Amino acid sequence: MEALINMVLLTLLAIITFGVVRLRNLFAVVILSGIYSFLMASVMIVLDGVDVAMTEASVGAGISTVLMLTVLYLTKVEEAKPTHTPLLPLFVAGGVGAVLVYGTWGLPPFGEAMTPMNTHVGMDYMDMSMPDTGIPNVVTSVLASYRGFDTLGETAVVFAAGIGVLLLLRRGVSLARLRRRQIEEEQQS
């Protein structure tokens, strides 16, 4: 049953991807991207990655959709017609996809318990988490202690990106106000 749910969700993801690529209306693209993120979060829930699903739903569907809608408010809604043929980007995307699929052939079967990841590394974390860190939750000990600097770096990147977006949106709002004033002045004269 889990495999059927995954196949349905992945099929819907492929359909939405095709729609995002084909549409020229940017509002529809933003909405489809939000739907894509919610479906991807659903896939993560089916695969028992609830923490990743929550992050995908909040950042991918929530924050990204709001930011993109804000940008659309400040810009045009229709994408300009491309001036070149899409053959090179399609070739590059197809090549990268083929390499990624080829790379998965050497992986062990999904969910198999006797993989090196489960028999060596995972068990070391399970055994040494409490003695090394004093934190009873293994996931918290990995994120806060073993990967503390990595988590700090990710937090700094997200913070810097948020500040950058706020500065860009502030500038866009100022430009929008300036345009409105110019239009009002032109209408009055």
C-alpha atoms as a PDB file:
ATOM      1  CA  MET A   1       0.000   0.000   0.000  1.00  0.00           C
ATOM      2  CA  GLU A   2       2.878   2.358   0.815  1.00  0.00           C
ATOM      3  CA  ALA A   3       4.377   1.796  -2.624  1.00  0.00           C
ATOM      4  CA  LEU A   4       1.038   2.625  -4.276  1.00  0.00           C
ATOM      5  CA  ILE A   5       0.748   5.875  -2.308  1.00  0.00           C
ATOM      6  CA  ASN A   6       4.304   6.787  -3.274  1.00  0.00           C
ATOM      7  CA  MET A   7       3.634   6.082  -6.943  1.00  0.00           C
ATOM      8  CA  VAL A   8       0.477   8.212  -6.913  1.00  0.00           C
ATOM      9  CA  LEU A   9       2.289  11.085  -5.196  1.00  0.00           C
ATOM     10  CA  LEU A  10       5.289  10.845  -7.529  1.00  0.00           C
ATOM     11  CA  THR A  11       2.989  10.779 -10.559  1.00  0.00           C
ATOM     12  CA  LEU A  12       1.259  13.925  -9.311  1.00  0.00           C
ATOM     13  CA  LEU A  13       4.672  15.531  -8.770  1.00  0.00           C
ATOM     14  CA  ALA A  14       5.640  14.730 -12.366  1.00  0.00           C
ATOM     15  CA  ILE A  15       2.371  16.199 -13.691  1.00  0.00           C
ATOM     16  CA  ILE A  16       2.852  19.382 -11.668  1.00  0.00           C
ATOM     17  CA  THR A  17       6.465  19.656 -12.837  1.00  0.00           C
ATOM     18  CA  PHE A  18       5.296  19.439 -16.434  1.00  0.00           C
ATOM     19  CA  GLY A  19       2.710  22.143 -15.727  1.00  0.00           C
ATOM     20  CA  VAL A  20       5.299  24.442 -14.138  1.00  0.00           C
ATOM     21  CA  VAL A  21       7.581  24.070 -17.149  1.00  0.00           C
ATOM     22  CA  ARG A  22       4.829  24.681 -19.721  1.00  0.00           C
ATOM     23  CA  LEU A  23       2.929  27.592 -18.137  1.00  0.00           C
ATOM     24  CA  ARG A  24       3.738  31.235 -18.863  1.00  0.00           C
ATOM     25  CA  ASN A  25       1.443  32.687 -16.198  1.00  0.00           C
ATOM     26  CA  LEU A  26       3.760  33.232 -13.234  1.00  0.00           C
ATOM     27  CA  PHE A  27       0.920  33.310 -10.696  1.00  0.00           C
ATOM     28  CA  ALA A  28      -0.103  29.797 -11.757  1.00  0.00           C
ATOM     29  CA  VAL A  29       3.542  28.692 -11.558  1.00  0.00           C
ATOM     30  CA  VAL A  30       3.840  29.981  -7.982  1.00  0.00           C
ATOM     31  CA  ILE A  31       0.639  28.217  -6.943  1.00  0.00           C
ATOM     32  CA  LEU A  32       1.729  24.967  -8.616  1.00  0.00           C
ATOM     33  CA  SER A  33       5.105  25.250  -6.868  1.00  0.00           C
ATOM     34  CA  GLY A  34       3.322  25.495  -3.517  1.00  0.00           C
ATOM     35  CA  ILE A  35       1.247  22.438  -4.378  1.00  0.00           C
ATOM     36  CA  TYR A  36       4.446  20.656  -5.424  1.00  0.00           C
ATOM     37  CA  SER A  37       5.967  21.408  -2.009  1.00  0.00           C
ATOM     38  CA  PHE A  38       2.921  20.068  -0.181  1.00  0.00           C
ATOM     39  CA  LEU A  39       3.022  16.878  -2.266  1.00  0.00           C
ATOM     40  CA  MET A  40       6.745  16.537  -1.590  1.00  0.00           C
ATOM     41  CA  ALA A  41       6.031  16.924   2.129  1.00  0.00           C
ATOM     42  CA  SER A  42       3.458  14.154   1.782  1.00  0.00           C
ATOM     43  CA  VAL A  43       6.075  11.906   0.174  1.00  0.00           C
ATOM     44  CA  MET A  44       8.402  12.602   3.099  1.00  0.00           C
ATOM     45  CA  ILE A  45       5.655  11.687   5.570  1.00  0.00           C
ATOM     46  CA  VAL A  46       5.049   8.383   3.775  1.00  0.00           C
ATOM     47  CA  LEU A  47       8.812   7.734   3.939  1.00  0.00           C
ATOM     48  CA  ASP A  48       8.781   8.468   7.723  1.00  0.00           C
ATOM     49  CA  GLY A  49      10.765  11.695   7.401  1.00  0.00           C
ATOM     50  CA  VAL A  50       8.353  13.848   9.388  1.00  0.00           C
ATOM     51  CA  ASP A  51      11.007  16.438  10.298  1.00  0.00           C
ATOM     52  CA  VAL A  52      11.914  16.904   6.635  1.00  0.00           C
ATOM     53  CA  ALA A  53       8.202  17.020   5.734  1.00  0.00           C
ATOM     54  CA  MET A  54       7.557  19.800   8.247  1.00  0.00           C
ATOM     55  CA  THR A  55      10.491  21.795   6.901  1.00  0.00           C
ATOM     56  CA  GLU A  56       9.356  21.304   3.298  1.00  0.00           C
ATOM     57  CA  ALA A  57       5.798  22.327   4.105  1.00  0.00           C
ATOM     58  CA  SER A  58       6.781  25.425   6.054  1.00  0.00           C
ATOM     59  CA  VAL A  59       9.645  26.668   3.883  1.00  0.00           C
ATOM     60  CA  GLY A  60       8.750  25.251   0.477  1.00  0.00           C
ATOM     61  CA  ALA A  61       5.015  25.802   0.524  1.00  0.00           C
ATOM     62  CA  GLY A  62       4.660  28.531   3.115  1.00  0.00           C
ATOM     63  CA  ILE A  63       7.493  31.029   3.054  1.00  0.00           C
ATOM     64  CA  SER A  64       8.530  30.521  -0.575  1.00  0.00           C
ATOM     65  CA  THR A  65       4.973  30.895  -1.860  1.00  0.00           C
ATOM     66  CA  VAL A  66       4.412  34.077   0.139  1.00  0.00           C
ATOM     67  CA  LEU A  67       7.717  35.559  -1.049  1.00  0.00           C
ATOM     68  CA  MET A  68       7.035  34.684  -4.683  1.00  0.00           C
ATOM     69  CA  LEU A  69       3.530  36.160  -4.513  1.00  0.00           C
ATOM     70  CA  THR A  70       5.045  39.322  -3.041  1.00  0.00           C
ATOM     71  CA  VAL A  71       7.545  39.495  -5.882  1.00  0.00           C
ATOM     72  CA  LEU A  72       4.720  39.016  -8.403  1.00  0.00           C
ATOM     73  CA  TYR A  73       2.878  41.919  -6.804  1.00  0.00           C
ATOM     74  CA  LEU A  74       5.912  44.095  -7.508  1.00  0.00           C
ATOM     75  CA  THR A  75       6.566  42.804 -11.044  1.00  0.00           C
ATOM     76  CA  LYS A  76       4.768  41.407 -14.089  1.00  0.00           C
ATOM     77  CA  VAL A  77       2.522  38.352 -13.953  1.00  0.00           C
ATOM     78  CA  GLU A  78       3.314  36.997 -17.424  1.00  0.00           C
ATOM     79  CA  GLU A  79       6.660  35.516 -18.388  1.00  0.00           C
ATOM     80  CA  ALA A  80       8.276  36.932 -21.511  1.00  0.00           C
ATOM     81  CA  LYS A  81       8.398  34.667 -24.543  1.00  0.00           C
ATOM     82  CA  PRO A  82      11.774  32.928 -24.848  1.00  0.00           C
ATOM     83  CA  THR A  83      14.011  34.197 -27.627  1.00  0.00           C
ATOM     84  CA  HIS A  84      15.962  30.955 -28.006  1.00  0.00           C
ATOM     85  CA  THR A  85      15.084  27.303 -28.403  1.00  0.00           C
ATOM     86  CA  PRO A  86      14.981  25.222 -25.206  1.00  0.00           C
ATOM     87  CA  LEU A  87      17.037  22.381 -26.687  1.00  0.00           C
ATOM     88  CA  LEU A  88      20.260  23.002 -24.741  1.00  0.00           C
ATOM     89  CA  PRO A  89      18.538  23.302 -21.323  1.00  0.00           C
ATOM     90  CA  LEU A  90      16.456  20.202 -22.094  1.00  0.00           C
ATOM     91  CA  PHE A  91      19.588  18.296 -23.100  1.00  0.00           C
ATOM     92  CA  VAL A  92      21.426  19.345 -19.917  1.00  0.00           C
ATOM     93  CA  ALA A  93      18.434  18.500 -17.689  1.00  0.00           C
ATOM     94  CA  GLY A  94      17.991  15.123 -19.395  1.00  0.00           C
ATOM     95  CA  GLY A  95      21.697  14.353 -19.058  1.00  0.00           C
ATOM     96  CA  VAL A  96      21.760  15.246 -15.368  1.00  0.00           C
ATOM     97  CA  GLY A  97      18.623  13.164 -14.800  1.00  0.00           C
ATOM     98  CA  ALA A  98      20.178  10.178 -16.574  1.00  0.00           C
ATOM     99  CA  VAL A  99      23.353  10.445 -14.472  1.00  0.00           C
ATOM    100  CA  LEU A 100      21.267  10.616 -11.279  1.00  0.00           C
ATOM    101  CA  VAL A 101      19.250   7.547 -12.265  1.00  0.00           C
ATOM    102  CA  TYR A 102      22.456   5.701 -13.170  1.00  0.00           C
ATOM    103  CA  GLY A 103      23.878   6.621  -9.751  1.00  0.00           C
ATOM    104  CA  THR A 104      20.963   4.964  -7.969  1.00  0.00           C
ATOM    105  CA  TRP A 105      21.610   1.554  -9.528  1.00  0.00           C
ATOM    106  CA  GLY A 106      24.458   0.836  -7.103  1.00  0.00           C
ATOM    107  CA  LEU A 107      22.419   1.636  -4.007  1.00  0.00           C
ATOM    108  CA  PRO A 108      21.127  -1.115  -1.728  1.00  0.00           C
ATOM    109  CA  PRO A 109      17.378  -1.829  -1.803  1.00  0.00           C
ATOM    110  CA  PHE A 110      15.228   0.764  -0.069  1.00  0.00           C
ATOM    111  CA  GLY A 111      14.517  -0.029   3.579  1.00  0.00           C
ATOM    112  CA  GLU A 112      16.929  -2.955   3.864  1.00  0.00           C
ATOM    113  CA  ALA A 113      18.237  -3.250   7.402  1.00  0.00           C
ATOM    114  CA  MET A 114      21.661  -4.698   6.571  1.00  0.00           C
ATOM    115  CA  THR A 115      23.112  -1.703   4.717  1.00  0.00           C
ATOM    116  CA  PRO A 116      26.435  -0.140   5.836  1.00  0.00           C
ATOM    117  CA  MET A 117      24.571   2.969   6.917  1.00  0.00           C
ATOM    118  CA  ASN A 118      22.403   0.967   9.326  1.00  0.00           C
ATOM    119  CA  THR A 119      24.987  -1.549  10.507  1.00  0.00           C
ATOM    120  CA  HIS A 120      27.937   0.799  11.173  1.00  0.00           C
ATOM    121  CA  VAL A 121      27.310   4.528  11.373  1.00  0.00           C
ATOM    122  CA  GLY A 122      23.752   4.497  12.687  1.00  0.00           C
ATOM    123  CA  MET A 123      24.513   2.057  15.475  1.00  0.00           C
ATOM    124  CA  ASP A 124      27.552   4.107  16.569  1.00  0.00           C
ATOM    125  CA  TYR A 125      25.335   7.150  16.982  1.00  0.00           C
ATOM    126  CA  MET A 126      22.736   5.119  18.864  1.00  0.00           C
ATOM    127  CA  ASP A 127      25.322   3.614  21.210  1.00  0.00           C
ATOM    128  CA  MET A 128      27.474   6.693  21.819  1.00  0.00           C
ATOM    129  CA  SER A 129      24.871   9.461  21.838  1.00  0.00           C
ATOM    130  CA  MET A 130      24.058   9.443  25.536  1.00  0.00           C
ATOM    131  CA  PRO A 131      27.633   8.914  26.832  1.00  0.00           C
ATOM    132  CA  ASP A 132      29.124  11.536  24.467  1.00  0.00           C
ATOM    133  CA  THR A 133      26.514  14.286  24.721  1.00  0.00           C
ATOM    134  CA  GLY A 134      24.262  13.547  27.681  1.00  0.00           C
ATOM    135  CA  ILE A 135      21.244  14.179  25.439  1.00  0.00           C
ATOM    136  CA  PRO A 136      18.721  11.303  25.517  1.00  0.00           C
ATOM    137  CA  ASN A 137      17.213  12.060  22.079  1.00  0.00           C
ATOM    138  CA  VAL A 138      19.555  10.772  19.358  1.00  0.00           C
ATOM    139  CA  VAL A 139      18.283  13.146  16.647  1.00  0.00           C
ATOM    140  CA  THR A 140      18.762  16.159  18.916  1.00  0.00           C
ATOM    141  CA  SER A 141      22.232  15.010  19.926  1.00  0.00           C
ATOM    142  CA  VAL A 142      23.271  14.601  16.286  1.00  0.00           C
ATOM    143  CA  LEU A 143      21.927  18.008  15.240  1.00  0.00           C
ATOM    144  CA  ALA A 144      22.984  19.967  18.323  1.00  0.00           C
ATOM    145  CA  SER A 145      26.247  18.294  19.258  1.00  0.00           C
ATOM    146  CA  TYR A 146      27.816  16.177  16.515  1.00  0.00           C
ATOM    147  CA  ARG A 147      26.717  18.542  13.743  1.00  0.00           C
ATOM    148  CA  GLY A 148      26.503  21.694  15.856  1.00  0.00           C
ATOM    149  CA  PHE A 149      28.694  23.869  13.623  1.00  0.00           C
ATOM    150  CA  ASP A 150      26.902  22.630  10.522  1.00  0.00           C
ATOM    151  CA  THR A 151      23.532  23.493  12.070  1.00  0.00           C
ATOM    152  CA  LEU A 152      24.884  26.906  13.114  1.00  0.00           C
ATOM    153  CA  GLY A 153      26.090  27.506   9.549  1.00  0.00           C
ATOM    154  CA  GLU A 154      22.720  26.519   8.091  1.00  0.00           C
ATOM    155  CA  THR A 155      20.972  28.849  10.532  1.00  0.00           C
ATOM    156  CA  ALA A 156      23.298  31.716   9.562  1.00  0.00           C
ATOM    157  CA  VAL A 157      22.621  31.112   5.853  1.00  0.00           C
ATOM    158  CA  VAL A 158      18.851  31.084   6.366  1.00  0.00           C
ATOM    159  CA  PHE A 159      19.091  34.249   8.490  1.00  0.00           C
ATOM    160  CA  ALA A 160      21.227  36.025   5.865  1.00  0.00           C
ATOM    161  CA  ALA A 161      18.813  34.972   3.106  1.00  0.00           C
ATOM    162  CA  GLY A 162      15.879  36.282   5.135  1.00  0.00           C
ATOM    163  CA  ILE A 163      17.585  39.639   5.680  1.00  0.00           C
ATOM    164  CA  GLY A 164      18.409  39.827   1.962  1.00  0.00           C
ATOM    165  CA  VAL A 165      14.807  39.103   0.994  1.00  0.00           C
ATOM    166  CA  LEU A 166      13.523  41.727   3.422  1.00  0.00           C
ATOM    167  CA  LEU A 167      15.910  44.310   1.984  1.00  0.00           C
ATOM    168  CA  LEU A 168      14.867  43.465  -1.571  1.00  0.00           C
ATOM    169  CA  LEU A 169      11.182  43.597  -0.718  1.00  0.00           C
ATOM    170  CA  ARG A 170      11.651  46.912   1.082  1.00  0.00           C
ATOM    171  CA  ARG A 171      13.350  48.322  -1.990  1.00  0.00           C
ATOM    172  CA  GLY A 172      10.570  46.931  -4.198  1.00  0.00           C
ATOM    173  CA  VAL A 173       7.899  48.516  -2.023  1.00  0.00           C
ATOM    174  CA  SER A 174       9.723  51.849  -2.229  1.00  0.00           C
ATOM    175  CA  LEU A 175       9.873  51.560  -6.020  1.00  0.00           C
ATOM    176  CA  ALA A 176       6.192  50.650  -6.158  1.00  0.00           C
ATOM    177  CA  ARG A 177       5.323  53.731  -4.065  1.00  0.00           C
ATOM    178  CA  LEU A 178       7.465  55.910  -6.315  1.00  0.00           C
ATOM    179  CA  ARG A 179       5.670  54.566  -9.412  1.00  0.00           C
ATOM    180  CA  ARG A 180       2.270  55.173  -7.839  1.00  0.00           C
ATOM    181  CA  ARG A 181       3.234  58.766  -7.005  1.00  0.00           C
ATOM    182  CA  GLN A 182       4.419  59.327 -10.567  1.00  0.00           C
ATOM    183  CA  ILE A 183       1.148  57.940 -11.946  1.00  0.00           C
ATOM    184  CA  GLU A 184      -0.892  60.101  -9.549  1.00  0.00           C
ATOM    185  CA  GLU A 185       1.105  63.205 -10.538  1.00  0.00           C
ATOM    186  CA  GLU A 186       0.609  62.438 -14.237  1.00  0.00           C
ATOM    187  CA  GLN A 187      -3.128  61.993 -13.719  1.00  0.00           C
ATOM    188  CA  GLN A 188      -3.423  65.281 -11.816  1.00  0.00           C
ATOM    189  CA  SER A 189      -1.632  67.299 -14.493  1.00  0.00           C
END
